[in-house]
Amino acid sequence: MAITLEISTAHPEGFPDRTVSIVRENSGALKFDSYEFEEE
């Protein structure tokens, strides 16, 4: 069985470094296979 979850969001001015750090830490703790931030 495989479950795929995709979450996307946008912020006109970008996300603060602290927010990016928290998301990355949580993604690692939850053992996500991949997670990334894209520049628009």
N, C-alpha and C. Protein backbone atom coordinates (compact mmCIF):
# COMPACT_ATOMS: atom_id res chain seq x y z
N MET A 1 0.85 -1.15 0.00
CA MET A 1 0.00 0.00 0.00
C MET A 1 0.90 1.22 0.00
N ALA A 2 0.49 2.22 -0.73
CA ALA A 2 1.23 3.48 -0.75
C ALA A 2 0.25 4.63 -0.56
N ILE A 3 0.68 5.56 0.22
CA ILE A 3 -0.11 6.78 0.45
C ILE A 3 0.75 7.95 0.01
N THR A 4 0.18 8.81 -0.80
CA THR A 4 0.89 9.99 -1.28
C THR A 4 0.16 11.22 -0.77
N LEU A 5 0.92 12.13 -0.22
CA LEU A 5 0.37 13.38 0.30
C LEU A 5 1.18 14.52 -0.29
N GLU A 6 0.50 15.44 -0.92
CA GLU A 6 1.18 16.62 -1.46
C GLU A 6 0.55 17.86 -0.83
N ILE A 7 1.40 18.69 -0.29
CA ILE A 7 0.95 19.93 0.33
C ILE A 7 1.66 21.07 -0.38
N SER A 8 0.90 22.06 -0.79
CA SER A 8 1.54 23.22 -1.41
C SER A 8 0.90 24.48 -0.86
N THR A 9 1.71 25.50 -0.79
CA THR A 9 1.25 26.79 -0.31
C THR A 9 2.14 27.86 -0.94
N ALA A 10 1.65 29.07 -0.94
CA ALA A 10 2.42 30.18 -1.50
C ALA A 10 2.33 31.38 -0.57
N HIS A 11 3.38 32.13 -0.56
CA HIS A 11 3.43 33.37 0.22
C HIS A 11 4.11 34.40 -0.66
N PRO A 12 3.45 35.53 -0.92
CA PRO A 12 3.98 36.51 -1.87
C PRO A 12 5.41 36.96 -1.57
N GLU A 13 5.78 37.02 -0.31
CA GLU A 13 7.12 37.51 0.05
C GLU A 13 8.06 36.39 0.45
N GLY A 14 7.64 35.15 0.23
CA GLY A 14 8.45 34.02 0.66
C GLY A 14 8.22 33.72 2.13
N PHE A 15 8.72 32.60 2.58
CA PHE A 15 8.53 32.20 3.96
C PHE A 15 9.76 32.55 4.79
N PRO A 16 9.55 32.95 6.03
CA PRO A 16 10.69 33.26 6.91
C PRO A 16 11.57 32.02 7.09
N ASP A 17 12.85 32.25 7.30
CA ASP A 17 13.80 31.16 7.49
C ASP A 17 13.36 30.22 8.62
N ARG A 18 12.81 30.78 9.66
CA ARG A 18 12.37 29.95 10.81
C ARG A 18 11.26 28.99 10.39
N THR A 19 10.33 29.44 9.57
CA THR A 19 9.25 28.58 9.08
C THR A 19 9.80 27.45 8.23
N VAL A 20 10.72 27.79 7.34
CA VAL A 20 11.36 26.78 6.49
C VAL A 20 12.07 25.75 7.37
N SER A 21 12.78 26.21 8.36
CA SER A 21 13.50 25.31 9.26
C SER A 21 12.55 24.37 10.00
N ILE A 22 11.46 24.88 10.50
CA ILE A 22 10.48 24.06 11.23
C ILE A 22 9.88 23.00 10.32
N VAL A 23 9.51 23.40 9.11
CA VAL A 23 8.93 22.44 8.16
C VAL A 23 9.94 21.35 7.84
N ARG A 24 11.18 21.70 7.62
CA ARG A 24 12.21 20.69 7.31
C ARG A 24 12.44 19.75 8.50
N GLU A 25 12.49 20.29 9.70
CA GLU A 25 12.69 19.46 10.89
C GLU A 25 11.52 18.49 11.06
N ASN A 26 10.31 18.99 10.90
CA ASN A 26 9.13 18.14 11.06
C ASN A 26 9.05 17.08 9.96
N SER A 27 9.43 17.45 8.76
CA SER A 27 9.41 16.48 7.65
C SER A 27 10.38 15.34 7.92
N GLY A 28 11.54 15.68 8.45
CA GLY A 28 12.51 14.65 8.80
C GLY A 28 12.02 13.77 9.94
N ALA A 29 11.42 14.39 10.95
CA ALA A 29 10.91 13.64 12.10
C ALA A 29 9.79 12.69 11.68
N LEU A 30 9.00 13.10 10.69
CA LEU A 30 7.90 12.27 10.20
C LEU A 30 8.37 11.26 9.13
N LYS A 31 9.67 11.29 8.84
CA LYS A 31 10.29 10.37 7.89
C LYS A 31 9.70 10.48 6.48
N PHE A 32 9.42 11.71 6.05
CA PHE A 32 8.98 11.93 4.67
C PHE A 32 10.11 11.55 3.73
N ASP A 33 9.78 10.93 2.62
CA ASP A 33 10.80 10.56 1.63
C ASP A 33 11.41 11.79 0.98
N SER A 34 10.60 12.80 0.75
CA SER A 34 11.12 14.02 0.13
C SER A 34 10.30 15.22 0.60
N TYR A 35 10.97 16.34 0.61
CA TYR A 35 10.33 17.62 0.94
C TYR A 35 11.22 18.70 0.40
N GLU A 36 10.60 19.74 -0.12
CA GLU A 36 11.40 20.81 -0.72
C GLU A 36 10.62 22.12 -0.76
N PHE A 37 11.37 23.18 -0.93
CA PHE A 37 10.80 24.50 -1.14
C PHE A 37 11.24 24.94 -2.53
N GLU A 38 10.30 25.46 -3.28
CA GLU A 38 10.60 25.92 -4.62
C GLU A 38 10.53 27.44 -4.67
N GLU A 39 11.47 28.02 -5.38
CA GLU A 39 11.44 29.45 -5.61
C GLU A 39 10.54 29.73 -6.82
N GLU A 40 9.70 30.70 -6.72
CA GLU A 40 8.81 31.05 -7.84
C GLU A 40 9.39 32.19 -8.63
